[in-house]
């Protein structure tokens, strides 16, 4: 992470901490006037109206207290249903959830690993793929995210099928 992003992470993190929220992720995308500063906020009850309010507050904060030069678009969002996993803390929060992990190299003959995240430490993660535990080091991860599965709700008045 660059020095500018590190200082922004501290500045925005402190602001959100005062709001009892957490800075989940921060990244600068693009170059020149097309840059996007993406701020991902996590916490209870972070809805659209709250995000809009936080966006205005963060924008004022950046205008007055940051060393960020040039033009950029500020994007303030929540992690969403399918959360990107980029930091060790993201993996720790997602233990027990379904994940998809794409790796830079083949592991057990595959580059795409789908299953339940069963453990995470400072060096990597462990995914249960169809009953087999696969160890994946963080430096082998190309991308990873949680997976949201839509479950069909039973029709009203219908009893669950008996086995």
N, C-alpha and C. Protein backbone atom coordinates (compact mmCIF):
# COMPACT_ATOMS: atom_id res chain seq x y z
N UNK A 1 0.85 -1.17 0.00
CA UNK A 1 0.00 0.00 0.00
C UNK A 1 0.90 1.23 0.00
N UNK A 2 0.55 2.23 -0.80
CA UNK A 2 1.36 3.44 -0.87
C UNK A 2 1.23 4.26 0.41
N UNK A 3 2.17 5.19 0.58
CA UNK A 3 2.14 6.05 1.77
C UNK A 3 0.85 6.87 1.83
N UNK A 4 0.39 7.35 0.66
CA UNK A 4 -0.85 8.14 0.62
C UNK A 4 -2.03 7.29 1.07
N UNK A 5 -2.13 6.06 0.55
CA UNK A 5 -3.24 5.19 0.95
C UNK A 5 -3.15 4.81 2.42
N UNK A 6 -1.94 4.62 2.92
CA UNK A 6 -1.77 4.31 4.34
C UNK A 6 -2.27 5.46 5.21
N UNK A 7 -1.92 6.70 4.84
CA UNK A 7 -2.40 7.84 5.62
C UNK A 7 -3.90 8.03 5.47
N UNK A 8 -4.44 7.76 4.28
CA UNK A 8 -5.89 7.84 4.08
C UNK A 8 -6.61 6.78 4.90
N UNK A 9 -6.02 5.60 4.95
CA UNK A 9 -6.62 4.51 5.73
C UNK A 9 -6.73 4.90 7.20
N UNK A 10 -5.69 5.53 7.73
CA UNK A 10 -5.71 5.96 9.12
C UNK A 10 -6.74 7.08 9.33
N UNK A 11 -6.74 8.06 8.44
CA UNK A 11 -7.65 9.20 8.54
C UNK A 11 -9.11 8.75 8.47
N UNK A 12 -9.44 7.97 7.45
CA UNK A 12 -10.82 7.51 7.27
C UNK A 12 -11.19 6.50 8.35
N UNK A 13 -10.25 5.63 8.71
CA UNK A 13 -10.51 4.65 9.77
C UNK A 13 -10.87 5.31 11.09
N UNK A 14 -10.17 6.39 11.44
CA UNK A 14 -10.47 7.12 12.68
C UNK A 14 -11.84 7.78 12.61
N UNK A 15 -12.16 8.35 11.45
CA UNK A 15 -13.48 8.98 11.26
C UNK A 15 -14.59 7.94 11.43
N UNK A 16 -14.42 6.79 10.80
CA UNK A 16 -15.44 5.75 10.89
C UNK A 16 -15.51 5.14 12.29
N UNK A 17 -14.37 5.03 12.96
CA UNK A 17 -14.35 4.51 14.32
C UNK A 17 -15.20 5.36 15.25
N UNK A 18 -15.16 6.68 15.05
CA UNK A 18 -15.98 7.58 15.86
C UNK A 18 -17.47 7.36 15.58
N UNK A 19 -17.79 6.81 14.41
CA UNK A 19 -19.17 6.50 14.03
C UNK A 19 -19.54 5.05 14.39
N UNK A 20 -18.62 4.35 15.06
CA UNK A 20 -18.78 2.94 15.43
C UNK A 20 -18.91 2.04 14.19
N UNK A 21 -18.13 2.39 13.19
CA UNK A 21 -18.07 1.61 11.95
C UNK A 21 -16.63 1.22 11.69
N UNK A 22 -16.44 0.33 10.73
CA UNK A 22 -15.10 -0.17 10.43
C UNK A 22 -14.78 0.06 8.96
N UNK A 23 -13.54 0.50 8.70
CA UNK A 23 -13.06 0.59 7.33
C UNK A 23 -12.68 -0.81 6.90
N UNK A 24 -13.48 -1.40 6.03
CA UNK A 24 -13.26 -2.77 5.60
C UNK A 24 -12.19 -2.86 4.52
N UNK A 25 -12.17 -1.87 3.62
CA UNK A 25 -11.19 -1.89 2.54
C UNK A 25 -11.07 -0.49 1.96
N UNK A 26 -9.92 -0.21 1.37
CA UNK A 26 -9.66 1.07 0.73
C UNK A 26 -8.75 0.80 -0.45
N UNK A 27 -9.13 1.31 -1.62
CA UNK A 27 -8.26 1.13 -2.78
C UNK A 27 -8.44 2.28 -3.75
N UNK A 28 -7.37 2.57 -4.49
CA UNK A 28 -7.40 3.58 -5.53
C UNK A 28 -7.33 2.84 -6.86
N UNK A 29 -8.33 3.06 -7.69
CA UNK A 29 -8.42 2.39 -8.99
C UNK A 29 -8.20 3.41 -10.09
N UNK A 30 -7.59 2.99 -11.19
CA UNK A 30 -7.42 3.86 -12.34
C UNK A 30 -6.26 4.83 -12.16
N UNK A 31 -6.15 5.74 -13.15
CA UNK A 31 -5.06 6.71 -13.16
C UNK A 31 -5.58 8.05 -13.64
N UNK A 32 -4.81 9.08 -13.38
CA UNK A 32 -5.14 10.42 -13.86
C UNK A 32 -6.48 10.91 -13.33
N UNK A 33 -7.22 11.61 -14.19
CA UNK A 33 -8.50 12.19 -13.76
C UNK A 33 -9.59 11.14 -13.64
N UNK A 34 -9.33 9.92 -14.08
CA UNK A 34 -10.31 8.85 -13.99
C UNK A 34 -10.17 8.00 -12.74
N UNK A 35 -9.40 8.47 -11.76
CA UNK A 35 -9.17 7.68 -10.55
C UNK A 35 -10.44 7.56 -9.71
N UNK A 36 -10.57 6.42 -9.06
CA UNK A 36 -11.68 6.17 -8.14
C UNK A 36 -11.08 5.76 -6.81
N UNK A 37 -11.46 6.46 -5.75
CA UNK A 37 -11.08 6.08 -4.40
C UNK A 37 -12.26 5.32 -3.82
N UNK A 38 -12.10 4.00 -3.68
CA UNK A 38 -13.19 3.15 -3.17
C UNK A 38 -12.99 2.92 -1.68
N UNK A 39 -14.00 3.30 -0.91
CA UNK A 39 -14.02 3.13 0.54
C UNK A 39 -15.12 2.13 0.87
N UNK A 40 -14.75 0.99 1.44
CA UNK A 40 -15.72 -0.04 1.79
C UNK A 40 -15.90 -0.02 3.31
N UNK A 41 -17.15 0.19 3.73
CA UNK A 41 -17.48 0.36 5.15
C UNK A 41 -18.27 -0.84 5.64
N UNK A 42 -17.91 -1.33 6.81
CA UNK A 42 -18.63 -2.45 7.41
C UNK A 42 -19.16 -2.03 8.78
N UNK A 43 -20.31 -2.54 9.12
CA UNK A 43 -20.91 -2.25 10.41
C UNK A 43 -22.39 -2.54 10.37
N UNK A 44 -23.00 -2.56 11.53
CA UNK A 44 -24.44 -2.84 11.61
C UNK A 44 -25.23 -1.69 11.00
N UNK A 45 -26.28 -2.06 10.30
CA UNK A 45 -27.23 -1.07 9.77
C UNK A 45 -26.60 -0.02 8.87
N UNK A 46 -25.73 -0.40 7.96
CA UNK A 46 -25.18 0.54 7.00
C UNK A 46 -26.04 0.46 5.74
N UNK A 47 -27.03 1.33 5.67
CA UNK A 47 -27.95 1.36 4.54
C UNK A 47 -27.57 2.45 3.56
N UNK A 48 -28.36 2.60 2.52
CA UNK A 48 -28.08 3.56 1.45
C UNK A 48 -28.03 4.99 1.99
N UNK A 49 -29.01 5.37 2.80
CA UNK A 49 -29.03 6.74 3.33
C UNK A 49 -27.82 7.00 4.22
N UNK A 50 -27.46 6.03 5.03
CA UNK A 50 -26.30 6.17 5.91
C UNK A 50 -25.02 6.28 5.09
N UNK A 51 -24.91 5.48 4.01
CA UNK A 51 -23.74 5.55 3.14
C UNK A 51 -23.63 6.92 2.49
N UNK A 52 -24.76 7.49 2.08
CA UNK A 52 -24.75 8.83 1.46
C UNK A 52 -24.24 9.87 2.45
N UNK A 53 -24.71 9.78 3.69
CA UNK A 53 -24.27 10.70 4.74
C UNK A 53 -22.77 10.52 5.02
N UNK A 54 -22.33 9.28 5.10
CA UNK A 54 -20.91 9.00 5.32
C UNK A 54 -20.05 9.49 4.16
N UNK A 55 -20.55 9.35 2.95
CA UNK A 55 -19.83 9.81 1.76
C UNK A 55 -19.59 11.32 1.84
N UNK A 56 -20.61 12.06 2.23
CA UNK A 56 -20.45 13.52 2.36
C UNK A 56 -19.43 13.85 3.45
N UNK A 57 -19.50 13.15 4.57
CA UNK A 57 -18.55 13.39 5.66
C UNK A 57 -17.12 13.05 5.27
N UNK A 58 -16.94 11.93 4.59
CA UNK A 58 -15.59 11.53 4.16
C UNK A 58 -15.06 12.50 3.11
N UNK A 59 -15.93 12.96 2.22
CA UNK A 59 -15.52 13.92 1.20
C UNK A 59 -15.01 15.21 1.84
N UNK A 60 -15.74 15.73 2.83
CA UNK A 60 -15.30 16.94 3.54
C UNK A 60 -13.96 16.68 4.25
N UNK A 61 -13.85 15.53 4.88
CA UNK A 61 -12.62 15.16 5.59
C UNK A 61 -11.43 15.15 4.63
N UNK A 62 -11.61 14.52 3.47
CA UNK A 62 -10.52 14.43 2.49
C UNK A 62 -10.17 15.80 1.94
N UNK A 63 -11.17 16.65 1.72
CA UNK A 63 -10.92 18.00 1.20
C UNK A 63 -10.06 18.82 2.15
N UNK A 64 -10.26 18.63 3.46
CA UNK A 64 -9.59 19.47 4.45
C UNK A 64 -8.34 18.86 5.07
N UNK A 65 -8.26 17.53 5.13
CA UNK A 65 -7.18 16.93 5.92
C UNK A 65 -6.31 15.91 5.20
N UNK A 66 -6.53 15.68 3.92
CA UNK A 66 -5.73 14.64 3.25
C UNK A 66 -4.68 15.25 2.34
N UNK A 67 -3.71 14.42 1.98
CA UNK A 67 -2.65 14.81 1.05
C UNK A 67 -2.94 14.27 -0.35
N UNK A 68 -4.17 13.94 -0.62
CA UNK A 68 -4.55 13.36 -1.91
C UNK A 68 -4.59 14.45 -2.97
N UNK A 69 -3.72 14.33 -3.98
CA UNK A 69 -3.64 15.33 -5.04
C UNK A 69 -4.46 14.91 -6.25
N UNK A 70 -4.85 15.90 -7.03
CA UNK A 70 -5.54 15.64 -8.29
C UNK A 70 -7.00 15.29 -8.10
N UNK A 71 -7.65 15.05 -9.23
CA UNK A 71 -9.08 14.74 -9.19
C UNK A 71 -9.28 13.23 -9.05
N UNK A 72 -10.40 12.89 -8.45
CA UNK A 72 -10.77 11.49 -8.26
C UNK A 72 -12.26 11.46 -7.96
N UNK A 73 -12.83 10.29 -8.10
CA UNK A 73 -14.23 10.07 -7.72
C UNK A 73 -14.23 9.26 -6.44
N UNK A 74 -14.96 9.73 -5.45
CA UNK A 74 -15.08 9.01 -4.19
C UNK A 74 -16.25 8.05 -4.28
N UNK A 75 -16.00 6.78 -4.01
CA UNK A 75 -17.04 5.75 -4.01
C UNK A 75 -17.09 5.15 -2.61
N UNK A 76 -18.20 5.33 -1.92
CA UNK A 76 -18.37 4.79 -0.57
C UNK A 76 -19.44 3.71 -0.65
N UNK A 77 -19.10 2.51 -0.17
CA UNK A 77 -20.00 1.37 -0.33
C UNK A 77 -19.87 0.42 0.86
N UNK A 78 -20.79 -0.52 0.93
CA UNK A 78 -20.69 -1.60 1.91
C UNK A 78 -20.12 -2.82 1.20
N UNK A 79 -19.69 -3.84 1.95
CA UNK A 79 -19.10 -5.02 1.30
C UNK A 79 -20.08 -5.79 0.41
N UNK A 80 -21.35 -5.71 0.68
CA UNK A 80 -22.34 -6.42 -0.13
C UNK A 80 -22.48 -7.88 0.28
N UNK A 81 -23.36 -8.58 -0.42
CA UNK A 81 -23.62 -9.98 -0.10
C UNK A 81 -22.43 -10.86 -0.43
N UNK A 82 -21.78 -10.58 -1.53
CA UNK A 82 -20.59 -11.35 -1.92
C UNK A 82 -19.38 -10.46 -1.70
N UNK A 83 -18.76 -10.66 -0.57
CA UNK A 83 -17.66 -9.82 -0.10
C UNK A 83 -16.33 -10.25 -0.73
N UNK A 84 -15.59 -9.28 -1.25
CA UNK A 84 -14.22 -9.55 -1.72
C UNK A 84 -13.33 -9.80 -0.52
N UNK A 85 -12.47 -10.77 -0.63
CA UNK A 85 -11.53 -11.10 0.44
C UNK A 85 -10.13 -10.71 -0.03
N UNK A 86 -9.58 -9.67 0.58
CA UNK A 86 -8.27 -9.17 0.16
C UNK A 86 -7.24 -9.16 1.27
N UNK A 87 -7.70 -9.13 2.51
CA UNK A 87 -6.79 -9.02 3.65
C UNK A 87 -7.01 -10.21 4.58
N UNK A 88 -6.00 -10.57 5.37
CA UNK A 88 -6.19 -11.68 6.32
C UNK A 88 -7.42 -11.51 7.22
N UNK A 89 -7.70 -10.28 7.65
CA UNK A 89 -8.87 -10.05 8.51
C UNK A 89 -10.18 -10.39 7.79
N UNK A 90 -10.23 -10.17 6.47
CA UNK A 90 -11.44 -10.52 5.71
C UNK A 90 -11.69 -12.02 5.77
N UNK A 91 -10.63 -12.80 5.66
CA UNK A 91 -10.76 -14.26 5.71
C UNK A 91 -11.21 -14.70 7.10
N UNK A 92 -10.62 -14.12 8.14
CA UNK A 92 -10.98 -14.50 9.51
C UNK A 92 -12.46 -14.26 9.78
N UNK A 93 -13.00 -13.15 9.28
CA UNK A 93 -14.42 -12.83 9.45
C UNK A 93 -15.33 -13.78 8.68
N UNK A 94 -14.79 -14.43 7.67
CA UNK A 94 -15.61 -15.24 6.77
C UNK A 94 -15.52 -16.74 7.04
N UNK A 95 -14.88 -17.15 8.13
CA UNK A 95 -14.79 -18.58 8.45
C UNK A 95 -16.20 -19.13 8.63
N UNK A 96 -16.43 -20.28 7.99
CA UNK A 96 -17.75 -20.92 8.03
C UNK A 96 -18.63 -20.56 6.85
N UNK A 97 -18.17 -19.62 6.02
CA UNK A 97 -18.96 -19.19 4.86
C UNK A 97 -18.46 -19.87 3.59
N UNK A 98 -19.35 -19.92 2.60
CA UNK A 98 -18.98 -20.44 1.29
C UNK A 98 -18.11 -19.41 0.59
N UNK A 99 -17.02 -19.88 -0.06
CA UNK A 99 -16.11 -18.99 -0.75
C UNK A 99 -15.71 -19.57 -2.11
N UNK A 100 -15.28 -18.68 -2.98
CA UNK A 100 -14.63 -19.06 -4.23
C UNK A 100 -13.25 -18.41 -4.22
N UNK A 101 -12.21 -19.22 -4.39
CA UNK A 101 -10.84 -18.72 -4.40
C UNK A 101 -10.21 -19.11 -5.72
N UNK A 102 -9.71 -18.12 -6.46
CA UNK A 102 -8.97 -18.38 -7.69
C UNK A 102 -7.49 -18.21 -7.37
N UNK A 103 -6.68 -19.19 -7.81
CA UNK A 103 -5.26 -19.17 -7.48
C UNK A 103 -4.41 -18.91 -8.73
N UNK A 104 -3.21 -18.40 -8.50
CA UNK A 104 -2.27 -18.10 -9.59
C UNK A 104 -1.70 -19.38 -10.20
N UNK A 105 -1.60 -20.42 -9.38
CA UNK A 105 -1.06 -21.71 -9.82
C UNK A 105 -2.07 -22.80 -9.48
N UNK A 106 -1.93 -23.94 -10.11
CA UNK A 106 -2.82 -25.06 -9.80
C UNK A 106 -2.49 -25.63 -8.42
N UNK A 107 -3.53 -25.91 -7.67
CA UNK A 107 -3.42 -26.60 -6.38
C UNK A 107 -4.37 -27.78 -6.47
N UNK A 108 -3.85 -28.98 -6.27
CA UNK A 108 -4.64 -30.20 -6.44
C UNK A 108 -5.31 -30.24 -7.82
N UNK A 109 -4.57 -29.77 -8.84
CA UNK A 109 -5.04 -29.82 -10.21
C UNK A 109 -6.05 -28.76 -10.60
N UNK A 110 -6.31 -27.79 -9.73
CA UNK A 110 -7.31 -26.77 -10.04
C UNK A 110 -6.81 -25.38 -9.69
N UNK A 111 -7.36 -24.39 -10.39
CA UNK A 111 -7.08 -22.99 -10.07
C UNK A 111 -8.29 -22.31 -9.43
N UNK A 112 -9.44 -22.96 -9.48
CA UNK A 112 -10.66 -22.43 -8.87
C UNK A 112 -11.10 -23.39 -7.78
N UNK A 113 -11.25 -22.86 -6.58
CA UNK A 113 -11.56 -23.68 -5.41
C UNK A 113 -12.82 -23.13 -4.75
N UNK A 114 -13.89 -23.93 -4.75
CA UNK A 114 -15.15 -23.52 -4.15
C UNK A 114 -15.47 -24.44 -2.99
N UNK A 115 -15.81 -23.84 -1.87
CA UNK A 115 -16.16 -24.63 -0.70
C UNK A 115 -16.33 -23.75 0.52
N UNK A 116 -16.26 -24.36 1.68
CA UNK A 116 -16.43 -23.65 2.94
C UNK A 116 -15.07 -23.27 3.51
N UNK A 117 -14.92 -22.01 3.86
CA UNK A 117 -13.69 -21.55 4.50
C UNK A 117 -13.68 -22.07 5.93
N UNK A 118 -12.70 -22.92 6.25
CA UNK A 118 -12.70 -23.55 7.57
C UNK A 118 -11.62 -23.00 8.51
N UNK A 119 -10.63 -22.32 7.97
CA UNK A 119 -9.59 -21.73 8.83
C UNK A 119 -8.81 -20.68 8.06
N UNK A 120 -8.17 -19.80 8.82
CA UNK A 120 -7.34 -18.75 8.24
C UNK A 120 -6.28 -18.36 9.27
N UNK A 121 -5.06 -18.09 8.80
CA UNK A 121 -4.02 -17.58 9.68
C UNK A 121 -3.26 -16.49 8.94
N UNK A 122 -2.12 -16.06 9.46
CA UNK A 122 -1.40 -14.95 8.84
C UNK A 122 -0.80 -15.29 7.49
N UNK A 123 -0.68 -16.59 7.16
CA UNK A 123 -0.03 -17.00 5.91
C UNK A 123 -0.99 -17.50 4.84
N UNK A 124 -2.16 -17.96 5.23
CA UNK A 124 -3.05 -18.53 4.23
C UNK A 124 -4.37 -18.98 4.82
N UNK A 125 -5.06 -19.82 4.05
CA UNK A 125 -6.40 -20.26 4.42
C UNK A 125 -6.58 -21.74 4.14
N UNK A 126 -7.64 -22.29 4.70
CA UNK A 126 -7.99 -23.69 4.51
C UNK A 126 -9.44 -23.73 4.05
N UNK A 127 -9.67 -24.36 2.89
CA UNK A 127 -11.02 -24.44 2.32
C UNK A 127 -11.42 -25.91 2.22
N UNK A 128 -12.62 -26.22 2.67
CA UNK A 128 -13.18 -27.57 2.52
C UNK A 128 -13.84 -27.63 1.15
N UNK A 129 -13.19 -28.34 0.22
CA UNK A 129 -13.71 -28.51 -1.13
C UNK A 129 -14.20 -29.94 -1.25
N UNK A 130 -15.50 -30.13 -1.24
CA UNK A 130 -16.13 -31.45 -1.35
C UNK A 130 -15.52 -32.45 -0.37
N UNK A 131 -15.38 -32.03 0.89
CA UNK A 131 -14.87 -32.93 1.93
C UNK A 131 -13.36 -33.01 2.04
N UNK A 132 -12.64 -32.32 1.17
CA UNK A 132 -11.18 -32.33 1.19
C UNK A 132 -10.68 -30.94 1.62
N UNK A 133 -9.84 -30.90 2.65
CA UNK A 133 -9.28 -29.64 3.13
C UNK A 133 -8.12 -29.23 2.23
N UNK A 134 -8.21 -28.03 1.64
CA UNK A 134 -7.14 -27.52 0.78
C UNK A 134 -6.50 -26.30 1.41
N UNK A 135 -5.18 -26.36 1.57
CA UNK A 135 -4.42 -25.24 2.10
C UNK A 135 -4.00 -24.35 0.93
N UNK A 136 -4.29 -23.06 1.05
CA UNK A 136 -3.91 -22.10 0.01
C UNK A 136 -3.19 -20.95 0.70
N UNK A 137 -1.95 -20.70 0.29
CA UNK A 137 -1.18 -19.59 0.84
C UNK A 137 -1.68 -18.29 0.21
N UNK A 138 -1.65 -17.19 0.98
CA UNK A 138 -2.14 -15.92 0.47
C UNK A 138 -1.41 -15.46 -0.79
N UNK A 139 -0.10 -15.75 -0.90
CA UNK A 139 0.62 -15.32 -2.09
C UNK A 139 0.23 -16.11 -3.34
N UNK A 140 -0.55 -17.18 -3.17
CA UNK A 140 -1.05 -17.95 -4.31
C UNK A 140 -2.45 -17.50 -4.75
N UNK A 141 -3.09 -16.64 -3.94
CA UNK A 141 -4.46 -16.21 -4.22
C UNK A 141 -4.46 -15.10 -5.27
N UNK A 142 -5.19 -15.34 -6.35
CA UNK A 142 -5.39 -14.32 -7.38
C UNK A 142 -6.59 -13.45 -7.01
N UNK A 143 -7.69 -14.09 -6.60
CA UNK A 143 -8.87 -13.38 -6.12
C UNK A 143 -9.69 -14.32 -5.26
N UNK A 144 -10.47 -13.74 -4.36
CA UNK A 144 -11.32 -14.56 -3.49
C UNK A 144 -12.53 -13.73 -3.08
N UNK A 145 -13.65 -14.43 -2.86
CA UNK A 145 -14.87 -13.75 -2.41
C UNK A 145 -15.79 -14.75 -1.75
N UNK A 146 -16.66 -14.22 -0.89
CA UNK A 146 -17.69 -15.08 -0.33
C UNK A 146 -18.75 -15.30 -1.40
N UNK A 147 -19.51 -16.37 -1.24
CA UNK A 147 -20.55 -16.72 -2.22
C UNK A 147 -21.89 -16.72 -1.51
N UNK A 148 -22.84 -15.98 -2.05
CA UNK A 148 -24.19 -15.96 -1.49
C UNK A 148 -25.04 -16.93 -2.28
N UNK A 149 -25.67 -17.86 -1.59
CA UNK A 149 -26.55 -18.84 -2.23
C UNK A 149 -28.00 -18.47 -1.97
N UNK A 150 -28.75 -18.27 -3.04
CA UNK A 150 -30.17 -17.99 -2.90
C UNK A 150 -30.88 -19.30 -2.60
N UNK A 151 -31.61 -19.31 -1.51
CA UNK A 151 -32.39 -20.49 -1.13
C UNK A 151 -33.84 -20.23 -1.49
N UNK A 152 -34.47 -21.21 -2.06
CA UNK A 152 -35.88 -21.06 -2.40
C UNK A 152 -36.69 -21.21 -1.12
N UNK A 153 -37.51 -20.23 -0.84
CA UNK A 153 -38.35 -20.26 0.36
C UNK A 153 -39.52 -21.20 0.11
N UNK A 154 -39.94 -21.93 1.14
CA UNK A 154 -41.11 -22.80 0.96
C UNK A 154 -42.35 -21.96 0.72
N UNK A 155 -43.27 -22.50 -0.06
CA UNK A 155 -44.51 -21.78 -0.34
C UNK A 155 -45.34 -21.71 0.93
N UNK A 156 -46.03 -20.59 1.13
CA UNK A 156 -46.86 -20.46 2.33
C UNK A 156 -47.89 -21.58 2.40
N UNK A 157 -48.06 -22.14 3.58
CA UNK A 157 -49.05 -23.19 3.78
C UNK A 157 -48.58 -24.58 3.43
N UNK A 158 -47.41 -24.71 2.82
CA UNK A 158 -46.86 -26.02 2.46
C UNK A 158 -45.98 -26.51 3.59
N UNK A 159 -46.07 -27.78 3.90
CA UNK A 159 -45.21 -28.37 4.92
C UNK A 159 -43.91 -28.80 4.26
N UNK A 160 -42.84 -28.76 5.03
CA UNK A 160 -41.54 -29.21 4.52
C UNK A 160 -41.61 -30.69 4.22
N UNK A 161 -40.92 -31.10 3.16
CA UNK A 161 -40.90 -32.51 2.78
C UNK A 161 -40.25 -33.34 3.87
N UNK A 162 -40.84 -34.48 4.14
CA UNK A 162 -40.27 -35.38 5.17
C UNK A 162 -39.31 -36.35 4.52
N UNK A 163 -38.24 -36.67 5.24
CA UNK A 163 -37.30 -37.63 4.69
C UNK A 163 -37.54 -39.00 5.21
